[in-house]
Amino acid sequence: MTEPYGQHDRSANSPHPVTRYLYLARHGDAGGEGAELTGAGRRQATLLGRRLAGVPLAAVHHGPLGRAAETARLVAAELDGVAVREAEWAGDHVPYWPQRGELPDADADRILDFLGDPDPGERATGPRLAREAMARCTGPAAGSVPRHELVVTHAFLIGWLVRAALDAPNWRWIGLNHCNAALTVIRYAPDRPASVLLYNDMAHLPTELKWTGFPPEFAELRV
């Protein structure tokens, strides 16, 4: 069941909720699972930081894996004294494991094969961290000025948060791919639905650094 708007946000009932702008970026290009950033990935991260240099970011959060942490450090190096914080909830986890009955018949086998058969711990951990991410960084914020925060994370969590903002079915985080160092921005304003302002935006990247991290069949995309 999809969460009603605002239900997950701890500050939505505060006396003075203000608009939250959530900036989401996937880590830069890495040499493989668990690897450090490549030279291209470091360039991507630096260019993302330069794009965000004029944004009044209050914090940069990142997942615990090295490729996310390095991306966040390179982004922050282009900013003016913004705090960088590691967060387990921003890690690389499956946020929701669908049941076959939720999925379109034509796609069910492919999706379930892709997700594999997790052990009970993995099946519990991903959704728990996804709920923590929702509670921590979605919905209006408390304060006197709009809140701007960046989360450097992985494609699965970005897909999950975009899905939630659009009030789509829980399983529909699947298929929301995200390129390395691309930018997504979600606006959570008081008394109105969430708005996806940007999704997978690569305007800060030159052609040769775009579309990395997408499935191989999209390698020819250079638009």
C-alpha atoms as a PDB file:
ATOM      1  CA  MET A   1       0.000   0.000   0.000  1.00  0.00           C
ATOM      2  CA  THR A   2       1.369   3.407  -0.916  1.00  0.00           C
ATOM      3  CA  GLU A   3       1.850   5.857   1.940  1.00  0.00           C
ATOM      4  CA  PRO A   4      -0.513   8.870   1.993  1.00  0.00           C
ATOM      5  CA  TYR A   5       1.301  12.143   1.466  1.00  0.00           C
ATOM      6  CA  GLY A   6       2.817  13.491   4.664  1.00  0.00           C
ATOM      7  CA  GLN A   7       2.113  10.407   6.779  1.00  0.00           C
ATOM      8  CA  HIS A   8       5.775   9.450   6.947  1.00  0.00           C
ATOM      9  CA  ASP A   9       7.116  12.929   7.730  1.00  0.00           C
ATOM     10  CA  ARG A  10       7.915  13.695  11.350  1.00  0.00           C
ATOM     11  CA  SER A  11       7.842  17.478  10.842  1.00  0.00           C
ATOM     12  CA  ALA A  12       4.648  17.750   8.783  1.00  0.00           C
ATOM     13  CA  ASN A  13       2.656  18.603  11.934  1.00  0.00           C
ATOM     14  CA  SER A  14       5.152  21.123  13.289  1.00  0.00           C
ATOM     15  CA  PRO A  15       3.850  24.655  14.013  1.00  0.00           C
ATOM     16  CA  HIS A  16       5.827  26.147  11.135  1.00  0.00           C
ATOM     17  CA  PRO A  17       6.402  23.656   8.311  1.00  0.00           C
ATOM     18  CA  VAL A  18       8.429  24.996   5.416  1.00  0.00           C
ATOM     19  CA  THR A  19       9.209  23.699   1.956  1.00  0.00           C
ATOM     20  CA  ARG A  20      11.879  21.021   1.682  1.00  0.00           C
ATOM     21  CA  TYR A  21      13.937  20.617  -1.494  1.00  0.00           C
ATOM     22  CA  LEU A  22      15.481  17.171  -1.683  1.00  0.00           C
ATOM     23  CA  TYR A  23      18.371  16.823  -4.135  1.00  0.00           C
ATOM     24  CA  LEU A  24      19.204  13.240  -5.062  1.00  0.00           C
ATOM     25  CA  ALA A  25      22.303  12.106  -6.934  1.00  0.00           C
ATOM     26  CA  ARG A  26      23.645   8.697  -7.749  1.00  0.00           C
ATOM     27  CA  HIS A  27      27.353   8.215  -7.075  1.00  0.00           C
ATOM     28  CA  GLY A  28      29.796   8.777  -9.919  1.00  0.00           C
ATOM     29  CA  ASP A  29      30.984   6.096 -12.303  1.00  0.00           C
ATOM     30  CA  ALA A  30      32.835   3.291 -10.523  1.00  0.00           C
ATOM     31  CA  GLY A  31      34.930   0.406 -11.784  1.00  0.00           C
ATOM     32  CA  GLY A  32      32.448  -2.209 -10.584  1.00  0.00           C
ATOM     33  CA  GLU A  33      30.489  -3.298  -7.553  1.00  0.00           C
ATOM     34  CA  GLY A  34      32.350  -2.081  -4.474  1.00  0.00           C
ATOM     35  CA  ALA A  35      35.033  -0.309  -6.527  1.00  0.00           C
ATOM     36  CA  GLU A  36      36.285   3.230  -6.161  1.00  0.00           C
ATOM     37  CA  LEU A  37      35.327   5.955  -8.599  1.00  0.00           C
ATOM     38  CA  THR A  38      36.948   5.945 -12.009  1.00  0.00           C
ATOM     39  CA  GLY A  39      38.530   9.064 -13.438  1.00  0.00           C
ATOM     40  CA  ALA A  40      35.231   9.719 -15.223  1.00  0.00           C
ATOM     41  CA  GLY A  41      33.355   9.270 -11.956  1.00  0.00           C
ATOM     42  CA  ARG A  42      35.534  11.828 -10.182  1.00  0.00           C
ATOM     43  CA  ARG A  43      34.978  14.328 -12.986  1.00  0.00           C
ATOM     44  CA  GLN A  44      31.244  13.714 -12.790  1.00  0.00           C
ATOM     45  CA  ALA A  45      31.222  14.346  -9.045  1.00  0.00           C
ATOM     46  CA  THR A  46      33.209  17.563  -9.348  1.00  0.00           C
ATOM     47  CA  LEU A  47      30.917  18.874 -12.077  1.00  0.00           C
ATOM     48  CA  LEU A  48      27.868  18.012  -9.988  1.00  0.00           C
ATOM     49  CA  GLY A  49      29.359  19.993  -7.108  1.00  0.00           C
ATOM     50  CA  ARG A  50      29.943  22.982  -9.354  1.00  0.00           C
ATOM     51  CA  ARG A  51      26.343  22.844 -10.513  1.00  0.00           C
ATOM     52  CA  LEU A  52      25.135  22.851  -6.909  1.00  0.00           C
ATOM     53  CA  ALA A  53      27.531  25.556  -5.734  1.00  0.00           C
ATOM     54  CA  GLY A  54      24.818  28.216  -5.806  1.00  0.00           C
ATOM     55  CA  VAL A  55      22.250  26.145  -3.909  1.00  0.00           C
ATOM     56  CA  PRO A  56      21.857  26.944  -0.173  1.00  0.00           C
ATOM     57  CA  LEU A  57      22.421  23.330   0.884  1.00  0.00           C
ATOM     58  CA  ALA A  58      22.193  22.654   4.604  1.00  0.00           C
ATOM     59  CA  ALA A  59      23.859  19.232   4.413  1.00  0.00           C
ATOM     60  CA  VAL A  60      25.198  16.531   2.109  1.00  0.00           C
ATOM     61  CA  HIS A  61      24.252  12.994   3.165  1.00  0.00           C
ATOM     62  CA  HIS A  62      25.797   9.896   1.606  1.00  0.00           C
ATOM     63  CA  GLY A  63      25.610   6.143   1.875  1.00  0.00           C
ATOM     64  CA  PRO A  64      28.407   4.156   3.552  1.00  0.00           C
ATOM     65  CA  LEU A  65      29.879   2.553   0.430  1.00  0.00           C
ATOM     66  CA  GLY A  66      33.126   4.033  -0.852  1.00  0.00           C
ATOM     67  CA  ARG A  67      31.803   5.191  -4.209  1.00  0.00           C
ATOM     68  CA  ALA A  68      29.033   7.229  -2.554  1.00  0.00           C
ATOM     69  CA  ALA A  69      31.346   8.633   0.121  1.00  0.00           C
ATOM     70  CA  GLU A  70      33.967   9.704  -2.438  1.00  0.00           C
ATOM     71  CA  THR A  71      31.328  11.307  -4.647  1.00  0.00           C
ATOM     72  CA  ALA A  72      29.969  13.270  -1.677  1.00  0.00           C
ATOM     73  CA  ARG A  73      33.460  14.492  -0.709  1.00  0.00           C
ATOM     74  CA  LEU A  74      34.176  15.691  -4.244  1.00  0.00           C
ATOM     75  CA  VAL A  75      30.798  17.424  -4.453  1.00  0.00           C
ATOM     76  CA  ALA A  76      31.320  19.093  -1.063  1.00  0.00           C
ATOM     77  CA  ALA A  77      34.752  20.334  -2.131  1.00  0.00           C
ATOM     78  CA  GLU A  78      32.940  22.621  -4.599  1.00  0.00           C
ATOM     79  CA  LEU A  79      30.554  23.941  -1.942  1.00  0.00           C
ATOM     80  CA  ASP A  80      31.058  26.493   0.799  1.00  0.00           C
ATOM     81  CA  GLY A  81      31.468  24.710   4.104  1.00  0.00           C
ATOM     82  CA  VAL A  82      28.499  22.335   3.812  1.00  0.00           C
ATOM     83  CA  ALA A  83      28.529  19.491   6.346  1.00  0.00           C
ATOM     84  CA  VAL A  84      28.997  15.969   4.926  1.00  0.00           C
ATOM     85  CA  ARG A  85      27.300  13.159   6.847  1.00  0.00           C
ATOM     86  CA  GLU A  86      27.314   9.406   6.354  1.00  0.00           C
ATOM     87  CA  ALA A  87      23.912   7.731   6.675  1.00  0.00           C
ATOM     88  CA  GLU A  88      23.113   4.021   6.608  1.00  0.00           C
ATOM     89  CA  TRP A  89      19.676   4.769   5.185  1.00  0.00           C
ATOM     90  CA  ALA A  90      21.330   6.223   2.055  1.00  0.00           C
ATOM     91  CA  GLY A  91      23.027   2.921   1.246  1.00  0.00           C
ATOM     92  CA  ASP A  92      22.562   0.432  -1.573  1.00  0.00           C
ATOM     93  CA  HIS A  93      19.568  -1.694  -0.531  1.00  0.00           C
ATOM     94  CA  VAL A  94      16.439  -3.076  -2.155  1.00  0.00           C
ATOM     95  CA  PRO A  95      13.728  -0.828  -0.689  1.00  0.00           C
ATOM     96  CA  TYR A  96      10.762  -3.096  -1.338  1.00  0.00           C
ATOM     97  CA  TRP A  97      10.353  -6.741  -2.348  1.00  0.00           C
ATOM     98  CA  PRO A  98       7.157  -7.172  -4.394  1.00  0.00           C
ATOM     99  CA  GLN A  99       4.946 -10.226  -4.397  1.00  0.00           C
ATOM    100  CA  ARG A 100       4.125 -11.835  -7.731  1.00  0.00           C
ATOM    101  CA  GLY A 101       0.484 -10.828  -7.460  1.00  0.00           C
ATOM    102  CA  GLU A 102       1.432  -7.128  -7.448  1.00  0.00           C
ATOM    103  CA  LEU A 103       3.296  -7.309 -10.737  1.00  0.00           C
ATOM    104  CA  PRO A 104       2.027  -7.239 -14.324  1.00  0.00           C
ATOM    105  CA  ASP A 105       1.811 -10.816 -15.612  1.00  0.00           C
ATOM    106  CA  ALA A 106       4.036 -10.052 -18.594  1.00  0.00           C
ATOM    107  CA  ASP A 107       6.854  -8.692 -16.394  1.00  0.00           C
ATOM    108  CA  ALA A 108       6.609 -10.727 -13.202  1.00  0.00           C
ATOM    109  CA  ASP A 109       9.169 -13.432 -14.068  1.00  0.00           C
ATOM    110  CA  ARG A 110      11.765 -10.940 -15.294  1.00  0.00           C
ATOM    111  CA  ILE A 111      11.391  -8.684 -12.238  1.00  0.00           C
ATOM    112  CA  LEU A 112      11.519 -11.521  -9.730  1.00  0.00           C
ATOM    113  CA  ASP A 113      14.563 -13.023 -11.462  1.00  0.00           C
ATOM    114  CA  PHE A 114      16.271  -9.642 -11.305  1.00  0.00           C
ATOM    115  CA  LEU A 115      15.642  -9.287  -7.570  1.00  0.00           C
ATOM    116  CA  GLY A 116      16.674 -12.850  -6.782  1.00  0.00           C
ATOM    117  CA  ASP A 117      15.903 -14.743  -3.589  1.00  0.00           C
ATOM    118  CA  PRO A 118      17.124 -12.720  -0.587  1.00  0.00           C
ATOM    119  CA  ASP A 119      17.806 -14.133   2.827  1.00  0.00           C
ATOM    120  CA  PRO A 120      15.438 -12.997   5.624  1.00  0.00           C
ATOM    121  CA  GLY A 121      17.902 -10.426   6.933  1.00  0.00           C
ATOM    122  CA  GLU A 122      18.276  -8.732   3.564  1.00  0.00           C
ATOM    123  CA  ARG A 123      14.527  -8.783   3.007  1.00  0.00           C
ATOM    124  CA  ALA A 124      14.015  -6.984   6.320  1.00  0.00           C
ATOM    125  CA  THR A 125      16.929  -4.546   6.179  1.00  0.00           C
ATOM    126  CA  GLY A 126      16.191  -2.857   2.855  1.00  0.00           C
ATOM    127  CA  PRO A 127      12.588  -1.872   3.654  1.00  0.00           C
ATOM    128  CA  ARG A 128      13.589  -0.756   7.162  1.00  0.00           C
ATOM    129  CA  LEU A 129      16.233   1.590   5.779  1.00  0.00           C
ATOM    130  CA  ALA A 130      13.840   2.827   3.089  1.00  0.00           C
ATOM    131  CA  ARG A 131      11.339   3.755   5.815  1.00  0.00           C
ATOM    132  CA  GLU A 132      14.101   5.561   7.675  1.00  0.00           C
ATOM    133  CA  ALA A 133      15.012   7.492   4.529  1.00  0.00           C
ATOM    134  CA  MET A 134      11.376   8.481   4.059  1.00  0.00           C
ATOM    135  CA  ALA A 135      11.109   9.658   7.651  1.00  0.00           C
ATOM    136  CA  ARG A 136      14.414  11.508   7.533  1.00  0.00           C
ATOM    137  CA  CYS A 137      14.301  13.403   4.267  1.00  0.00           C
ATOM    138  CA  THR A 138      10.799  13.665   2.774  1.00  0.00           C
ATOM    139  CA  GLY A 139       7.803  15.879   3.485  1.00  0.00           C
ATOM    140  CA  PRO A 140       7.856  19.535   4.570  1.00  0.00           C
ATOM    141  CA  ALA A 141      10.591  20.518   7.023  1.00  0.00           C
ATOM    142  CA  ALA A 142      10.420  22.386  10.305  1.00  0.00           C
ATOM    143  CA  GLY A 143      12.025  25.814  10.417  1.00  0.00           C
ATOM    144  CA  SER A 144      11.763  29.376   9.232  1.00  0.00           C
ATOM    145  CA  VAL A 145      13.366  29.077   5.772  1.00  0.00           C
ATOM    146  CA  PRO A 146      13.139  26.434   3.038  1.00  0.00           C
ATOM    147  CA  ARG A 147      15.364  23.411   3.610  1.00  0.00           C
ATOM    148  CA  HIS A 148      17.757  22.214   0.894  1.00  0.00           C
ATOM    149  CA  GLU A 149      19.593  18.888   1.325  1.00  0.00           C
ATOM    150  CA  LEU A 150      21.562  16.611  -0.996  1.00  0.00           C
ATOM    151  CA  VAL A 151      21.620  12.830  -0.696  1.00  0.00           C
ATOM    152  CA  VAL A 152      24.365  11.010  -2.624  1.00  0.00           C
ATOM    153  CA  THR A 153      23.089   7.473  -2.895  1.00  0.00           C
ATOM    154  CA  HIS A 154      22.282   4.648  -5.320  1.00  0.00           C
ATOM    155  CA  ALA A 155      19.727   4.065  -8.049  1.00  0.00           C
ATOM    156  CA  PHE A 156      17.352   1.921  -5.963  1.00  0.00           C
ATOM    157  CA  LEU A 157      16.742   4.536  -3.258  1.00  0.00           C
ATOM    158  CA  ILE A 158      16.303   7.302  -5.820  1.00  0.00           C
ATOM    159  CA  GLY A 159      13.715   5.176  -7.625  1.00  0.00           C
ATOM    160  CA  TRP A 160      11.933   4.498  -4.342  1.00  0.00           C
ATOM    161  CA  LEU A 161      11.730   8.178  -3.357  1.00  0.00           C
ATOM    162  CA  VAL A 162      10.561   9.269  -6.810  1.00  0.00           C
ATOM    163  CA  ARG A 163       7.940   6.505  -6.767  1.00  0.00           C
ATOM    164  CA  ALA A 164       6.700   7.723  -3.390  1.00  0.00           C
ATOM    165  CA  ALA A 165       6.571  11.348  -4.548  1.00  0.00           C
ATOM    166  CA  LEU A 166       4.393  10.293  -7.490  1.00  0.00           C
ATOM    167  CA  ASP A 167       2.204   8.085  -5.258  1.00  0.00           C
ATOM    168  CA  ALA A 168       2.888   5.136  -7.574  1.00  0.00           C
ATOM    169  CA  PRO A 169       2.509   1.475  -6.515  1.00  0.00           C
ATOM    170  CA  ASN A 170       5.254   0.245  -4.212  1.00  0.00           C
ATOM    171  CA  TRP A 171       6.771  -2.125  -6.782  1.00  0.00           C
ATOM    172  CA  ARG A 172       7.172   0.665  -9.330  1.00  0.00           C
ATOM    173  CA  TRP A 173      10.564   1.785  -8.056  1.00  0.00           C
ATOM    174  CA  ILE A 174      11.744  -0.919 -10.436  1.00  0.00           C
ATOM    175  CA  GLY A 175      12.509   0.537 -13.857  1.00  0.00           C
ATOM    176  CA  LEU A 176      13.374   4.024 -12.582  1.00  0.00           C
ATOM    177  CA  ASN A 177      17.006   3.945 -13.646  1.00  0.00           C
ATOM    178  CA  HIS A 178      19.388   6.751 -12.744  1.00  0.00           C
ATOM    179  CA  CYS A 179      22.678   7.727 -14.346  1.00  0.00           C
ATOM    180  CA  ASN A 180      25.899   8.345 -12.459  1.00  0.00           C
ATOM    181  CA  ALA A 181      26.042  11.854 -10.954  1.00  0.00           C
ATOM    182  CA  ALA A 182      22.716  12.833 -12.530  1.00  0.00           C
ATOM    183  CA  LEU A 183      20.445  15.091 -10.488  1.00  0.00           C
ATOM    184  CA  THR A 184      16.882  14.598  -9.285  1.00  0.00           C
ATOM    185  CA  VAL A 185      15.060  17.231  -7.230  1.00  0.00           C
ATOM    186  CA  ILE A 186      11.818  16.715  -5.299  1.00  0.00           C
ATOM    187  CA  ARG A 187       9.904  19.590  -3.698  1.00  0.00           C
ATOM    188  CA  TYR A 188       7.818  18.964  -0.571  1.00  0.00           C
ATOM    189  CA  ALA A 189       5.716  22.053   0.145  1.00  0.00           C
ATOM    190  CA  PRO A 190       3.186  22.347   2.972  1.00  0.00           C
ATOM    191  CA  ASP A 191      -0.415  21.553   2.049  1.00  0.00           C
ATOM    192  CA  ARG A 192       0.262  20.262  -1.463  1.00  0.00           C
ATOM    193  CA  PRO A 193       1.462  17.051  -3.132  1.00  0.00           C
ATOM    194  CA  ALA A 194       5.146  16.423  -3.652  1.00  0.00           C
ATOM    195  CA  SER A 195       6.552  17.672  -6.968  1.00  0.00           C
ATOM    196  CA  VAL A 196       9.341  16.043  -8.969  1.00  0.00           C
ATOM    197  CA  LEU A 197      11.094  19.116 -10.370  1.00  0.00           C
ATOM    198  CA  LEU A 198      13.988  17.299 -12.078  1.00  0.00           C
ATOM    199  CA  TYR A 199      14.638  13.651 -12.799  1.00  0.00           C
ATOM    200  CA  ASN A 200      17.928  12.133 -13.991  1.00  0.00           C
ATOM    201  CA  ASP A 201      19.109  15.541 -15.202  1.00  0.00           C
ATOM    202  CA  MET A 202      22.622  15.606 -16.685  1.00  0.00           C
ATOM    203  CA  ALA A 203      22.863  19.200 -17.893  1.00  0.00           C
ATOM    204  CA  HIS A 204      26.099  19.672 -15.907  1.00  0.00           C
ATOM    205  CA  LEU A 205      27.865  16.800 -17.671  1.00  0.00           C
ATOM    206  CA  PRO A 206      29.563  16.869 -21.093  1.00  0.00           C
ATOM    207  CA  THR A 207      28.439  14.325 -23.645  1.00  0.00           C
ATOM    208  CA  GLU A 208      31.156  11.770 -22.883  1.00  0.00           C
ATOM    209  CA  LEU A 209      30.162  11.660 -19.191  1.00  0.00           C
ATOM    210  CA  LYS A 210      26.429  11.251 -19.724  1.00  0.00           C
ATOM    211  CA  TRP A 211      24.401   8.040 -19.513  1.00  0.00           C
ATOM    212  CA  THR A 212      26.987   6.056 -17.580  1.00  0.00           C
ATOM    213  CA  GLY A 213      25.547   3.595 -15.100  1.00  0.00           C
ATOM    214  CA  PHE A 214      22.492   2.871 -17.239  1.00  0.00           C
ATOM    215  CA  PRO A 215      21.805  -0.679 -18.469  1.00  0.00           C
ATOM    216  CA  PRO A 216      24.158  -1.692 -21.341  1.00  0.00           C
ATOM    217  CA  GLU A 217      21.397  -1.641 -23.937  1.00  0.00           C
ATOM    218  CA  PHE A 218      21.178   2.136 -23.506  1.00  0.00           C
ATOM    219  CA  ALA A 219      24.890   2.740 -24.052  1.00  0.00           C
ATOM    220  CA  GLU A 220      24.224   4.486 -27.359  1.00  0.00           C
ATOM    221  CA  LEU A 221      22.242   7.248 -25.648  1.00  0.00           C
ATOM    222  CA  ARG A 222      24.188  10.467 -25.817  1.00  0.00           C
ATOM    223  CA  VAL A 223      21.454  13.135 -25.891  1.00  0.00           C
END
